[in-house]
Amino acid sequence: MLTYLDFERPIAELENRIADLRATADNGAVDVEQEIRRLDVKTKKLLRDTYSKLTPWQKAHVARHPERPHFKDYVEGLAEEFIPLEGDRAFADDQAIVGGLATIDGRKVVLMGHEKGDDTASRLKHNFGMAKPEGYRKAIRLMKLADRFGLPVVTLVDTPGAFPGVQAEERGQAEAIARATEQCLALKVPMVSVIVGEGGSGGAVAIAAANKVLMFEHAIYSV
């Protein structure tokens, strides 16, 4: 079942009516194709009109939509090959940032980004996309690897911010974010960052201080 935001309720009502009519049509009792086409046109127009005048807060809700694609979905759609690399070689592996070697359109790159997860178990595993120091140190390791082998860096940003827990602070969260940002700026290879959902504060900047920063239409970036 689709998840609708509050301001999408009129759209949801129309789509539910279309679904009910299609169920009736499947029974063969009544010819409702003309009404379905009329409602379909009305729904598409309402969708365009609604999304053409979103308020900033509504845009934030869209950027945080639970059914929005995540890093793993983009990897499946973009990369012909993806070899994940894990760990920061110092403390642990942080699954809030996923990265590795990828082939995109025949070109070898280092691809990494935030992963939020799409159900309760995966959201806990990926800490809702909020990286800890070891996540940013893993990103630094991958960027240094890219420099060493002359591979462009592509990052997909989707995080509410860095994890603010006590243990993360004890392990040097601010220092890790600063070092990751510094490494972005020191890269000798091209770097492209795409804000695919929400980019929150230093947690986003740490892997988005790139040569070119792109944003999806209904993404948000706040620093």
C-alpha atoms as a PDB file:
ATOM      1  CA  MET A   1       0.000   0.000   0.000  1.00  0.00           C
ATOM      2  CA  LEU A   2       1.277   3.446  -0.938  1.00  0.00           C
ATOM      3  CA  THR A   3       2.032   5.993   1.762  1.00  0.00           C
ATOM      4  CA  TYR A   4       0.418   9.372   1.119  1.00  0.00           C
ATOM      5  CA  LEU A   5       1.453  12.620   2.765  1.00  0.00           C
ATOM      6  CA  ASP A   6      -1.230  14.828   4.334  1.00  0.00           C
ATOM      7  CA  PHE A   7      -1.358  17.248   1.416  1.00  0.00           C
ATOM      8  CA  GLU A   8      -1.703  14.319  -1.010  1.00  0.00           C
ATOM      9  CA  ARG A   9      -5.037  13.150   0.431  1.00  0.00           C
ATOM     10  CA  PRO A  10      -7.141  14.510  -2.483  1.00  0.00           C
ATOM     11  CA  ILE A  11      -4.843  12.592  -4.856  1.00  0.00           C
ATOM     12  CA  ALA A  12      -5.193   9.471  -2.715  1.00  0.00           C
ATOM     13  CA  GLU A  13      -8.993   9.716  -2.829  1.00  0.00           C
ATOM     14  CA  LEU A  14      -8.998   9.898  -6.627  1.00  0.00           C
ATOM     15  CA  GLU A  15      -6.563   6.995  -6.965  1.00  0.00           C
ATOM     16  CA  ASN A  16      -8.668   4.899  -4.581  1.00  0.00           C
ATOM     17  CA  ARG A  17     -11.762   5.636  -6.676  1.00  0.00           C
ATOM     18  CA  ILE A  18      -9.880   4.547  -9.800  1.00  0.00           C
ATOM     19  CA  ALA A  19      -8.808   1.325  -8.054  1.00  0.00           C
ATOM     20  CA  ASP A  20     -12.415   0.620  -7.018  1.00  0.00           C
ATOM     21  CA  LEU A  21     -13.647   1.214 -10.565  1.00  0.00           C
ATOM     22  CA  ARG A  22     -10.971  -1.087 -11.992  1.00  0.00           C
ATOM     23  CA  ALA A  23     -12.078  -3.794  -9.564  1.00  0.00           C
ATOM     24  CA  THR A  24     -15.635  -3.327 -10.839  1.00  0.00           C
ATOM     25  CA  ALA A  25     -14.423  -3.485 -14.443  1.00  0.00           C
ATOM     26  CA  ASP A  26     -12.618  -6.754 -13.722  1.00  0.00           C
ATOM     27  CA  ASN A  27     -15.955  -8.283 -12.734  1.00  0.00           C
ATOM     28  CA  GLY A  28     -17.267  -7.429 -16.194  1.00  0.00           C
ATOM     29  CA  ALA A  29     -20.552  -6.147 -14.811  1.00  0.00           C
ATOM     30  CA  VAL A  30     -20.240  -2.506 -15.877  1.00  0.00           C
ATOM     31  CA  ASP A  31     -18.201  -0.666 -18.530  1.00  0.00           C
ATOM     32  CA  VAL A  32     -16.359   2.015 -16.561  1.00  0.00           C
ATOM     33  CA  GLU A  33     -13.366   2.628 -18.830  1.00  0.00           C
ATOM     34  CA  GLN A  34     -14.518   6.118 -19.800  1.00  0.00           C
ATOM     35  CA  GLU A  35     -14.900   7.147 -16.147  1.00  0.00           C
ATOM     36  CA  ILE A  36     -11.485   5.654 -15.307  1.00  0.00           C
ATOM     37  CA  ARG A  37      -9.855   7.667 -18.098  1.00  0.00           C
ATOM     38  CA  ARG A  38     -11.577  10.845 -16.899  1.00  0.00           C
ATOM     39  CA  LEU A  39     -10.435  10.318 -13.310  1.00  0.00           C
ATOM     40  CA  ASP A  40      -6.930   9.405 -14.459  1.00  0.00           C
ATOM     41  CA  VAL A  41      -6.595  12.713 -16.327  1.00  0.00           C
ATOM     42  CA  LYS A  42      -7.979  14.569 -13.299  1.00  0.00           C
ATOM     43  CA  THR A  43      -5.522  12.800 -10.969  1.00  0.00           C
ATOM     44  CA  LYS A  44      -2.488  13.623 -13.109  1.00  0.00           C
ATOM     45  CA  LYS A  45      -3.522  17.279 -13.328  1.00  0.00           C
ATOM     46  CA  LEU A  46      -4.074  17.466  -9.573  1.00  0.00           C
ATOM     47  CA  LEU A  47      -0.667  15.851  -8.977  1.00  0.00           C
ATOM     48  CA  ARG A  48       1.062  18.403 -11.240  1.00  0.00           C
ATOM     49  CA  ASP A  49      -0.797  21.318  -9.670  1.00  0.00           C
ATOM     50  CA  THR A  50      -0.074  20.127  -6.112  1.00  0.00           C
ATOM     51  CA  TYR A  51       3.643  19.661  -6.696  1.00  0.00           C
ATOM     52  CA  SER A  52       4.010  22.948  -8.568  1.00  0.00           C
ATOM     53  CA  LYS A  53       3.159  24.969  -5.448  1.00  0.00           C
ATOM     54  CA  LEU A  54       4.581  23.057  -2.497  1.00  0.00           C
ATOM     55  CA  THR A  55       5.466  25.038   0.607  1.00  0.00           C
ATOM     56  CA  PRO A  56       9.011  24.666   2.004  1.00  0.00           C
ATOM     57  CA  TRP A  57       7.704  22.417   4.786  1.00  0.00           C
ATOM     58  CA  GLN A  58       5.840  20.217   2.294  1.00  0.00           C
ATOM     59  CA  LYS A  59       9.055  19.909   0.270  1.00  0.00           C
ATOM     60  CA  ALA A  60      10.802  18.750   3.440  1.00  0.00           C
ATOM     61  CA  HIS A  61       8.157  16.049   3.878  1.00  0.00           C
ATOM     62  CA  VAL A  62       8.645  14.903   0.282  1.00  0.00           C
ATOM     63  CA  ALA A  63      12.423  14.784   0.753  1.00  0.00           C
ATOM     64  CA  ARG A  64      11.898  12.571   3.827  1.00  0.00           C
ATOM     65  CA  HIS A  65       9.192  10.387   2.296  1.00  0.00           C
ATOM     66  CA  PRO A  66       9.568   6.817   3.652  1.00  0.00           C
ATOM     67  CA  GLU A  67       9.106   5.323   0.176  1.00  0.00           C
ATOM     68  CA  ARG A  68      11.686   7.546  -1.500  1.00  0.00           C
ATOM     69  CA  PRO A  69      14.488   5.533  -3.195  1.00  0.00           C
ATOM     70  CA  HIS A  70      17.609   4.959  -1.122  1.00  0.00           C
ATOM     71  CA  PHE A  71      21.285   4.348  -1.889  1.00  0.00           C
ATOM     72  CA  LYS A  72      20.845   0.639  -2.629  1.00  0.00           C
ATOM     73  CA  ASP A  73      18.062   1.437  -5.109  1.00  0.00           C
ATOM     74  CA  TYR A  74      20.258   3.906  -6.989  1.00  0.00           C
ATOM     75  CA  VAL A  75      23.122   1.401  -7.050  1.00  0.00           C
ATOM     76  CA  GLU A  76      20.808  -1.204  -8.587  1.00  0.00           C
ATOM     77  CA  GLY A  77      19.637   1.282 -11.213  1.00  0.00           C
ATOM     78  CA  LEU A  78      22.929   3.044 -11.977  1.00  0.00           C
ATOM     79  CA  ALA A  79      25.791   0.615 -11.580  1.00  0.00           C
ATOM     80  CA  GLU A  80      26.611  -2.298 -13.834  1.00  0.00           C
ATOM     81  CA  GLU A  81      28.843  -3.550 -11.030  1.00  0.00           C
ATOM     82  CA  PHE A  82      29.276  -2.592  -7.378  1.00  0.00           C
ATOM     83  CA  ILE A  83      31.874  -4.005  -4.981  1.00  0.00           C
ATOM     84  CA  PRO A  84      31.237  -2.754  -1.421  1.00  0.00           C
ATOM     85  CA  LEU A  85      34.217  -1.879   0.767  1.00  0.00           C
ATOM     86  CA  GLU A  86      33.664  -1.824   4.519  1.00  0.00           C
ATOM     87  CA  GLY A  87      35.310  -0.537   7.670  1.00  0.00           C
ATOM     88  CA  ASP A  88      37.407   2.469   8.606  1.00  0.00           C
ATOM     89  CA  ARG A  89      40.526   0.393   9.455  1.00  0.00           C
ATOM     90  CA  ALA A  90      40.429   1.889  12.947  1.00  0.00           C
ATOM     91  CA  PHE A  91      37.265   1.040  14.877  1.00  0.00           C
ATOM     92  CA  ALA A  92      34.321  -0.496  12.997  1.00  0.00           C
ATOM     93  CA  ASP A  93      32.132  -0.437   9.921  1.00  0.00           C
ATOM     94  CA  ASP A  94      29.299   2.083   9.889  1.00  0.00           C
ATOM     95  CA  GLN A  95      26.424   1.013   7.647  1.00  0.00           C
ATOM     96  CA  ALA A  96      24.941   4.529   7.597  1.00  0.00           C
ATOM     97  CA  ILE A  97      27.463   5.243   4.828  1.00  0.00           C
ATOM     98  CA  VAL A  98      27.818   2.558   2.179  1.00  0.00           C
ATOM     99  CA  GLY A  99      30.540   2.738  -0.441  1.00  0.00           C
ATOM    100  CA  GLY A 100      32.767   0.840  -2.779  1.00  0.00           C
ATOM    101  CA  LEU A 101      34.017   0.421  -6.326  1.00  0.00           C
ATOM    102  CA  ALA A 102      31.424   0.739  -9.067  1.00  0.00           C
ATOM    103  CA  THR A 103      31.085   0.778 -12.823  1.00  0.00           C
ATOM    104  CA  ILE A 104      28.657   3.396 -14.158  1.00  0.00           C
ATOM    105  CA  ASP A 105      28.084   3.576 -17.907  1.00  0.00           C
ATOM    106  CA  GLY A 106      31.330   1.676 -18.417  1.00  0.00           C
ATOM    107  CA  ARG A 107      33.362   4.055 -16.229  1.00  0.00           C
ATOM    108  CA  LYS A 108      35.084   2.899 -13.027  1.00  0.00           C
ATOM    109  CA  VAL A 109      34.287   5.153 -10.058  1.00  0.00           C
ATOM    110  CA  VAL A 110      34.233   5.179  -6.283  1.00  0.00           C
ATOM    111  CA  LEU A 111      30.558   5.361  -5.321  1.00  0.00           C
ATOM    112  CA  MET A 112      29.317   6.022  -1.799  1.00  0.00           C
ATOM    113  CA  GLY A 113      26.392   7.539   0.003  1.00  0.00           C
ATOM    114  CA  HIS A 114      24.033   7.490   2.943  1.00  0.00           C
ATOM    115  CA  GLU A 115      21.673   4.559   3.340  1.00  0.00           C
ATOM    116  CA  LYS A 116      18.585   5.054   5.527  1.00  0.00           C
ATOM    117  CA  GLY A 117      16.949   1.649   5.123  1.00  0.00           C
ATOM    118  CA  ASP A 118      13.385   0.930   4.049  1.00  0.00           C
ATOM    119  CA  ASP A 119      11.910  -1.063   6.945  1.00  0.00           C
ATOM    120  CA  THR A 120      12.373  -1.218  10.709  1.00  0.00           C
ATOM    121  CA  ALA A 121      15.216  -3.749  10.673  1.00  0.00           C
ATOM    122  CA  SER A 122      17.207  -2.043   7.911  1.00  0.00           C
ATOM    123  CA  ARG A 123      16.633   1.427   9.381  1.00  0.00           C
ATOM    124  CA  LEU A 124      18.126   0.270  12.664  1.00  0.00           C
ATOM    125  CA  LYS A 125      21.005  -1.408  10.824  1.00  0.00           C
ATOM    126  CA  HIS A 126      21.783   1.788   8.896  1.00  0.00           C
ATOM    127  CA  ASN A 127      20.972   4.078  11.855  1.00  0.00           C
ATOM    128  CA  PHE A 128      18.451   6.004   9.724  1.00  0.00           C
ATOM    129  CA  GLY A 129      21.306   7.340   7.576  1.00  0.00           C
ATOM    130  CA  MET A 130      22.978   9.153  10.482  1.00  0.00           C
ATOM    131  CA  ALA A 131      26.680   8.365  10.262  1.00  0.00           C
ATOM    132  CA  LYS A 132      29.072   7.985  13.179  1.00  0.00           C
ATOM    133  CA  PRO A 133      32.794   8.892  13.133  1.00  0.00           C
ATOM    134  CA  GLU A 134      33.708   5.499  11.680  1.00  0.00           C
ATOM    135  CA  GLY A 135      31.363   6.185   8.761  1.00  0.00           C
ATOM    136  CA  TYR A 136      33.148   9.406   7.871  1.00  0.00           C
ATOM    137  CA  ARG A 137      36.540   7.756   8.341  1.00  0.00           C
ATOM    138  CA  LYS A 138      35.423   5.030   5.950  1.00  0.00           C
ATOM    139  CA  ALA A 139      34.491   7.776   3.475  1.00  0.00           C
ATOM    140  CA  ILE A 140      37.972   9.287   3.899  1.00  0.00           C
ATOM    141  CA  ARG A 141      39.540   5.882   3.212  1.00  0.00           C
ATOM    142  CA  LEU A 142      37.480   5.489   0.038  1.00  0.00           C
ATOM    143  CA  MET A 143      38.365   8.985  -1.178  1.00  0.00           C
ATOM    144  CA  LYS A 144      42.073   8.312  -0.631  1.00  0.00           C
ATOM    145  CA  LEU A 145      41.662   5.060  -2.562  1.00  0.00           C
ATOM    146  CA  ALA A 146      40.041   6.993  -5.413  1.00  0.00           C
ATOM    147  CA  ASP A 147      42.953   9.438  -5.485  1.00  0.00           C
ATOM    148  CA  ARG A 148      45.490   6.625  -5.482  1.00  0.00           C
ATOM    149  CA  PHE A 149      43.943   4.881  -8.489  1.00  0.00           C
ATOM    150  CA  GLY A 150      42.686   7.959 -10.350  1.00  0.00           C
ATOM    151  CA  LEU A 151      38.987   7.127  -9.987  1.00  0.00           C
ATOM    152  CA  PRO A 152      36.275   9.820  -9.962  1.00  0.00           C
ATOM    153  CA  VAL A 153      34.181  10.010  -6.797  1.00  0.00           C
ATOM    154  CA  VAL A 154      30.375  10.016  -6.871  1.00  0.00           C
ATOM    155  CA  THR A 155      28.414  10.513  -3.651  1.00  0.00           C
ATOM    156  CA  LEU A 156      24.667  10.247  -3.035  1.00  0.00           C
ATOM    157  CA  VAL A 157      23.621  12.315  -0.033  1.00  0.00           C
ATOM    158  CA  ASP A 158      20.508  11.538   2.016  1.00  0.00           C
ATOM    159  CA  THR A 159      20.846  12.174   5.746  1.00  0.00           C
ATOM    160  CA  PRO A 160      19.111  14.213   8.445  1.00  0.00           C
ATOM    161  CA  GLY A 161      22.593  14.842   9.854  1.00  0.00           C
ATOM    162  CA  ALA A 162      25.459  13.131  11.630  1.00  0.00           C
ATOM    163  CA  PHE A 163      24.585  10.902  14.583  1.00  0.00           C
ATOM    164  CA  PRO A 164      24.544  13.091  17.749  1.00  0.00           C
ATOM    165  CA  GLY A 165      24.986  10.320  20.331  1.00  0.00           C
ATOM    166  CA  VAL A 166      27.389  10.540  23.269  1.00  0.00           C
ATOM    167  CA  GLN A 167      29.546   7.644  22.041  1.00  0.00           C
ATOM    168  CA  ALA A 168      29.907   9.256  18.615  1.00  0.00           C
ATOM    169  CA  GLU A 169      31.060  12.471  20.267  1.00  0.00           C
ATOM    170  CA  GLU A 170      33.510  10.522  22.427  1.00  0.00           C
ATOM    171  CA  ARG A 171      35.015   8.956  19.300  1.00  0.00           C
ATOM    172  CA  GLY A 172      35.525  12.359  17.669  1.00  0.00           C
ATOM    173  CA  GLN A 173      32.448  13.060  15.555  1.00  0.00           C
ATOM    174  CA  ALA A 174      33.301  16.708  14.844  1.00  0.00           C
ATOM    175  CA  GLU A 175      36.907  15.859  13.972  1.00  0.00           C
ATOM    176  CA  ALA A 176      35.815  13.044  11.632  1.00  0.00           C
ATOM    177  CA  ILE A 177      33.378  15.345   9.800  1.00  0.00           C
ATOM    178  CA  ALA A 178      36.053  18.033   9.455  1.00  0.00           C
ATOM    179  CA  ARG A 179      38.618  15.517   8.156  1.00  0.00           C
ATOM    180  CA  ALA A 180      36.139  14.124   5.628  1.00  0.00           C
ATOM    181  CA  THR A 181      35.291  17.621   4.383  1.00  0.00           C
ATOM    182  CA  GLU A 182      39.002  18.395   4.124  1.00  0.00           C
ATOM    183  CA  GLN A 183      39.575  15.196   2.144  1.00  0.00           C
ATOM    184  CA  CYS A 184      36.806  16.151  -0.300  1.00  0.00           C
ATOM    185  CA  LEU A 185      38.531  19.477  -0.935  1.00  0.00           C
ATOM    186  CA  ALA A 186      41.960  17.852  -1.268  1.00  0.00           C
ATOM    187  CA  LEU A 187      40.944  15.310  -3.918  1.00  0.00           C
ATOM    188  CA  LYS A 188      42.928  15.406  -7.150  1.00  0.00           C
ATOM    189  CA  VAL A 189      40.220  13.466  -9.008  1.00  0.00           C
ATOM    190  CA  PRO A 190      36.801  14.859 -10.004  1.00  0.00           C
ATOM    191  CA  MET A 191      34.038  14.570  -7.421  1.00  0.00           C
ATOM    192  CA  VAL A 192      30.298  14.849  -8.044  1.00  0.00           C
ATOM    193  CA  SER A 193      27.741  14.846  -5.233  1.00  0.00           C
ATOM    194  CA  VAL A 194      23.994  14.460  -5.650  1.00  0.00           C
ATOM    195  CA  ILE A 195      21.502  15.380  -2.932  1.00  0.00           C
ATOM    196  CA  VAL A 196      18.930  12.638  -3.535  1.00  0.00           C
ATOM    197  CA  GLY A 197      16.768  13.252  -0.453  1.00  0.00           C
ATOM    198  CA  GLU A 198      17.745  15.450   2.451  1.00  0.00           C
ATOM    199  CA  GLY A 199      21.169  16.875   3.133  1.00  0.00           C
ATOM    200  CA  GLY A 200      21.393  17.871   6.761  1.00  0.00           C
ATOM    201  CA  SER A 201      24.235  19.961   8.175  1.00  0.00           C
ATOM    202  CA  GLY A 202      27.842  18.769   8.435  1.00  0.00           C
ATOM    203  CA  GLY A 203      26.683  15.181   8.154  1.00  0.00           C
ATOM    204  CA  ALA A 204      25.911  15.922   4.511  1.00  0.00           C
ATOM    205  CA  VAL A 205      28.735  18.378   3.769  1.00  0.00           C
ATOM    206  CA  ALA A 206      31.341  15.801   4.846  1.00  0.00           C
ATOM    207  CA  ILE A 207      30.764  13.852   1.616  1.00  0.00           C
ATOM    208  CA  ALA A 208      29.355  16.675  -0.511  1.00  0.00           C
ATOM    209  CA  ALA A 209      32.141  19.292  -0.697  1.00  0.00           C
ATOM    210  CA  ALA A 210      32.511  18.400  -4.363  1.00  0.00           C
ATOM    211  CA  ASN A 211      33.503  19.929  -7.700  1.00  0.00           C
ATOM    212  CA  LYS A 212      29.851  19.792  -8.686  1.00  0.00           C
ATOM    213  CA  VAL A 213      26.832  19.446  -6.386  1.00  0.00           C
ATOM    214  CA  LEU A 214      23.486  18.472  -7.914  1.00  0.00           C
ATOM    215  CA  MET A 215      20.049  18.204  -6.305  1.00  0.00           C
ATOM    216  CA  PHE A 216      16.879  16.365  -7.170  1.00  0.00           C
ATOM    217  CA  GLU A 217      13.858  18.598  -7.716  1.00  0.00           C
ATOM    218  CA  HIS A 218      12.230  17.803  -4.377  1.00  0.00           C
ATOM    219  CA  ALA A 219      15.390  17.362  -2.300  1.00  0.00           C
ATOM    220  CA  ILE A 220      16.494  19.718   0.477  1.00  0.00           C
ATOM    221  CA  TYR A 221      19.960  20.857   1.568  1.00  0.00           C
ATOM    222  CA  SER A 222      20.396  22.780   4.810  1.00  0.00           C
ATOM    223  CA  VAL A 223      23.711  23.602   6.445  1.00  0.00           C
END
